[in-house]
Amino acid sequence: LKFPAMEGLYYMAPICACWMFCVAAIFEMPTAYRQGDFHLISTHKLLFAVAGGLGFIVNISSFLVIKRTSSVLLKLLGTGRSVGLVLFAAGFLGEHLTVLQVFGYAICLTFFGVYQYLKMNKM
């Protein structure tokens, strides 16, 4: 990326917000309207503000990771995070994993390690 993270967010945020609003208007808003759940926003203002702030930080950090490393590493970190979350749920929360799931997560973690090894040794 040839521009700072804030500038990247300046260009990407309106497009992302438009698409997210369109998808939410189709899939989420009708159900929320029928169930009368829009009052939750005014009831939990601080929680929604914190969620928005954390979303902003995630977007900025994503641009910084891409700028400092590569988009491939960002994707691998996301995969590693997902695997870690599933393993945590299986180990501490009692989630059941199938053999196929364990095999898939093992492949993900293996190639994540291979990528990191090759990256560190500049191969």
Foldseek 3Di string as FASTA:
>chain_A
DPDALVVVCVVVVVVVVVVVVVVCVPPPVVVCVVVVVPVVCVVPVVVVVVVVVVVVVVSSVLSVCCVVPHVVVVVLVVLVVVLVVVVCCVPPVVDDDDPVRVVVSVVSVVVSVVVVVCVVVVD
